[in-house]
């Protein structure tokens, strides 16, 4: 009795593997994109906190407009 795989069995296995890959790869891609967005949001939140701390320590700068003016004047 021959114990080798038939061509149909190999084709079905290849189809199942490709189907799983077709489902998994886009989901993984979306997860990496979402994690990058979350990372940027966290960085912006940290920047906002740092600016607020700076404003509390140095009372004379209160807004983004004043920060930009302060940076441009110092050039």
N, C-alpha and C. Protein backbone atom coordinates (compact mmCIF):
# COMPACT_ATOMS: atom_id res chain seq x y z
N UNK A 1 0.84 -1.18 0.00
CA UNK A 1 0.00 0.00 0.00
C UNK A 1 0.88 1.24 0.00
N UNK A 2 0.58 2.21 -0.86
CA UNK A 2 1.35 3.43 -1.00
C UNK A 2 0.89 4.45 0.05
N UNK A 3 1.85 5.01 0.83
CA UNK A 3 1.50 5.95 1.90
C UNK A 3 1.86 7.38 1.55
N UNK A 4 1.97 7.74 0.31
CA UNK A 4 2.31 9.10 -0.11
C UNK A 4 1.05 9.96 -0.20
N UNK A 5 1.25 11.28 -0.16
CA UNK A 5 0.14 12.21 -0.32
C UNK A 5 -0.25 12.31 -1.79
N UNK A 6 -1.53 12.47 -2.04
CA UNK A 6 -1.97 12.65 -3.41
C UNK A 6 -1.89 14.14 -3.76
N UNK A 7 -1.98 14.42 -5.03
CA UNK A 7 -1.92 15.81 -5.51
C UNK A 7 -3.09 16.62 -4.95
N UNK A 8 -4.26 16.02 -4.86
CA UNK A 8 -5.43 16.71 -4.33
C UNK A 8 -5.21 17.09 -2.87
N UNK A 9 -4.67 16.20 -2.07
CA UNK A 9 -4.41 16.50 -0.66
C UNK A 9 -3.41 17.63 -0.52
N UNK A 10 -2.37 17.63 -1.32
CA UNK A 10 -1.38 18.72 -1.26
C UNK A 10 -2.00 20.05 -1.70
N UNK A 11 -2.85 20.01 -2.72
CA UNK A 11 -3.50 21.24 -3.19
C UNK A 11 -4.46 21.79 -2.13
N UNK A 12 -5.17 20.92 -1.45
CA UNK A 12 -6.08 21.36 -0.38
C UNK A 12 -5.29 21.97 0.77
N UNK A 13 -4.18 21.36 1.15
CA UNK A 13 -3.34 21.90 2.22
C UNK A 13 -2.79 23.27 1.83
N UNK A 14 -2.35 23.43 0.59
CA UNK A 14 -1.85 24.71 0.11
C UNK A 14 -2.96 25.76 0.10
N UNK A 15 -4.16 25.37 -0.28
CA UNK A 15 -5.30 26.29 -0.29
C UNK A 15 -5.61 26.76 1.13
N UNK A 16 -5.62 25.85 2.09
CA UNK A 16 -5.92 26.21 3.47
C UNK A 16 -4.86 27.17 4.02
N UNK A 17 -3.60 26.90 3.74
CA UNK A 17 -2.52 27.77 4.20
C UNK A 17 -2.64 29.16 3.57
N UNK A 18 -2.93 29.22 2.29
CA UNK A 18 -3.07 30.53 1.63
C UNK A 18 -4.30 31.27 2.14
N UNK A 19 -5.38 30.57 2.45
CA UNK A 19 -6.57 31.21 2.99
C UNK A 19 -6.30 31.80 4.37
N UNK A 20 -5.63 31.06 5.21
CA UNK A 20 -5.29 31.57 6.54
C UNK A 20 -4.36 32.78 6.42
N UNK A 21 -3.40 32.72 5.50
CA UNK A 21 -2.50 33.85 5.30
C UNK A 21 -3.25 35.07 4.79
N UNK A 22 -4.19 34.88 3.90
CA UNK A 22 -4.96 35.99 3.35
C UNK A 22 -5.79 36.67 4.42
N UNK A 23 -6.19 35.96 5.44
CA UNK A 23 -6.96 36.55 6.53
C UNK A 23 -6.05 37.18 7.56
N UNK A 24 -4.93 36.54 7.87
CA UNK A 24 -4.07 36.98 8.97
C UNK A 24 -3.22 38.20 8.61
N UNK A 25 -2.70 38.28 7.42
CA UNK A 25 -1.77 39.36 7.05
C UNK A 25 -2.45 40.74 7.10
N UNK A 26 -3.63 40.94 6.54
CA UNK A 26 -4.26 42.26 6.66
C UNK A 26 -4.58 42.65 8.10
N UNK A 27 -5.00 41.68 8.91
CA UNK A 27 -5.28 41.99 10.31
C UNK A 27 -4.01 42.41 11.03
N UNK A 28 -2.90 41.76 10.75
CA UNK A 28 -1.63 42.13 11.36
C UNK A 28 -1.22 43.53 10.91
N UNK A 29 -1.43 43.83 9.64
CA UNK A 29 -1.10 45.15 9.11
C UNK A 29 -1.92 46.23 9.80
N UNK A 30 -3.22 45.97 10.01
CA UNK A 30 -4.07 46.94 10.70
C UNK A 30 -3.63 47.13 12.15
N UNK A 31 -3.22 46.06 12.79
CA UNK A 31 -2.77 46.18 14.18
C UNK A 31 -1.52 47.04 14.28
N UNK A 32 -0.58 46.88 13.35
CA UNK A 32 0.63 47.70 13.41
C UNK A 32 0.30 49.16 13.14
N UNK A 33 -0.62 49.43 12.23
CA UNK A 33 -1.02 50.81 11.96
C UNK A 33 -1.70 51.43 13.18
N UNK A 34 -2.57 50.67 13.81
CA UNK A 34 -3.25 51.17 15.00
C UNK A 34 -2.28 51.41 16.14
N UNK A 35 -1.26 50.56 16.26
CA UNK A 35 -0.28 50.76 17.34
C UNK A 35 0.56 52.01 17.07
N UNK A 36 0.85 52.31 15.81
CA UNK A 36 1.59 53.54 15.49
C UNK A 36 0.75 54.77 15.82
N UNK A 37 -0.54 54.72 15.52
CA UNK A 37 -1.44 55.84 15.85
C UNK A 37 -1.50 56.03 17.36
N UNK A 38 -1.62 54.94 18.10
CA UNK A 38 -1.66 55.03 19.56
C UNK A 38 -0.37 55.60 20.12
N UNK A 39 0.76 55.23 19.51
CA UNK A 39 2.05 55.75 19.95
C UNK A 39 2.14 57.25 19.72
N UNK A 40 1.68 57.73 18.57
CA UNK A 40 1.70 59.16 18.27
C UNK A 40 0.78 59.91 19.24
N UNK A 41 -0.40 59.35 19.52
CA UNK A 41 -1.31 60.00 20.46
C UNK A 41 -0.69 60.09 21.85
N UNK A 42 0.00 59.06 22.28
CA UNK A 42 0.66 59.09 23.58
C UNK A 42 1.78 60.14 23.59
N UNK A 43 2.53 60.23 22.50
CA UNK A 43 3.59 61.24 22.43
C UNK A 43 3.03 62.65 22.47
N UNK A 44 1.92 62.88 21.77
CA UNK A 44 1.28 64.20 21.80
C UNK A 44 0.75 64.53 23.19
N UNK A 45 0.22 63.53 23.86
CA UNK A 45 -0.25 63.75 25.23
C UNK A 45 0.91 64.11 26.15
N UNK A 46 2.04 63.42 25.99
CA UNK A 46 3.23 63.73 26.79
C UNK A 46 3.74 65.13 26.49
N UNK A 47 3.72 65.52 25.22
CA UNK A 47 4.14 66.86 24.85
C UNK A 47 3.23 67.91 25.46
N UNK A 48 1.93 67.66 25.43
CA UNK A 48 0.98 68.58 26.03
C UNK A 48 1.23 68.72 27.53
N UNK A 49 1.50 67.62 28.19
CA UNK A 49 1.79 67.66 29.63
C UNK A 49 3.06 68.46 29.90
N UNK A 50 4.08 68.25 29.07
CA UNK A 50 5.33 68.99 29.26
C UNK A 50 5.12 70.49 29.05
N UNK A 51 4.31 70.85 28.07
CA UNK A 51 4.04 72.27 27.82
C UNK A 51 3.27 72.87 29.00
N UNK A 52 2.30 72.13 29.51
CA UNK A 52 1.56 72.62 30.67
C UNK A 52 2.47 72.79 31.88
N UNK A 53 3.39 71.85 32.09
CA UNK A 53 4.33 71.97 33.20
C UNK A 53 5.24 73.19 33.01
N UNK A 54 5.66 73.41 31.79
CA UNK A 54 6.49 74.58 31.49
C UNK A 54 5.71 75.86 31.77
N UNK A 55 4.44 75.87 31.36
CA UNK A 55 3.60 77.04 31.61
C UNK A 55 3.42 77.30 33.09
N UNK A 56 3.25 76.24 33.87
CA UNK A 56 3.10 76.42 35.31
C UNK A 56 4.37 76.94 35.96
N UNK A 57 5.50 76.49 35.44
CA UNK A 57 6.78 76.94 36.01
C UNK A 57 7.12 78.35 35.56
N UNK A 58 6.85 78.68 34.31
CA UNK A 58 7.17 79.98 33.74
C UNK A 58 5.85 80.65 33.35
N UNK A 59 5.31 81.44 34.21
CA UNK A 59 3.96 81.98 34.06
C UNK A 59 3.80 82.89 32.86
N UNK A 60 4.87 83.36 32.28
CA UNK A 60 4.74 84.39 31.24
C UNK A 60 4.37 83.82 29.88
N UNK A 61 4.43 82.53 29.64
CA UNK A 61 4.02 81.94 28.36
C UNK A 61 2.74 81.15 28.62
N UNK A 62 1.66 81.55 27.96
CA UNK A 62 0.36 80.94 28.24
C UNK A 62 -0.26 80.23 27.05
N UNK A 63 0.16 80.47 25.82
CA UNK A 63 -0.51 79.86 24.68
C UNK A 63 0.50 79.47 23.60
N UNK A 64 0.04 78.67 22.63
CA UNK A 64 0.91 78.28 21.51
C UNK A 64 1.40 79.50 20.76
N UNK A 65 0.51 80.50 20.60
CA UNK A 65 0.89 81.71 19.87
C UNK A 65 2.05 82.40 20.58
N UNK A 66 1.97 82.49 21.89
CA UNK A 66 3.05 83.13 22.64
C UNK A 66 4.33 82.28 22.60
N UNK A 67 4.18 80.96 22.60
CA UNK A 67 5.37 80.09 22.51
C UNK A 67 6.06 80.29 21.17
N UNK A 68 5.27 80.32 20.08
CA UNK A 68 5.86 80.54 18.76
C UNK A 68 6.54 81.89 18.69
N UNK A 69 5.89 82.93 19.22
CA UNK A 69 6.50 84.26 19.21
C UNK A 69 7.78 84.26 20.03
N UNK A 70 7.76 83.59 21.15
CA UNK A 70 8.94 83.51 22.01
C UNK A 70 10.10 82.82 21.29
N UNK A 71 9.79 81.75 20.58
CA UNK A 71 10.85 81.04 19.84
C UNK A 71 11.38 81.87 18.69
N UNK A 72 10.52 82.58 17.98
CA UNK A 72 10.97 83.38 16.85
C UNK A 72 11.77 84.60 17.28
N UNK A 73 11.40 85.17 18.40
CA UNK A 73 12.13 86.36 18.89
C UNK A 73 13.54 86.00 19.32
N UNK A 74 13.73 84.79 19.85
CA UNK A 74 15.04 84.40 20.37
C UNK A 74 16.05 84.11 19.28
N UNK A 75 15.66 84.06 18.01
CA UNK A 75 16.59 83.73 16.94
C UNK A 75 17.66 84.78 16.76
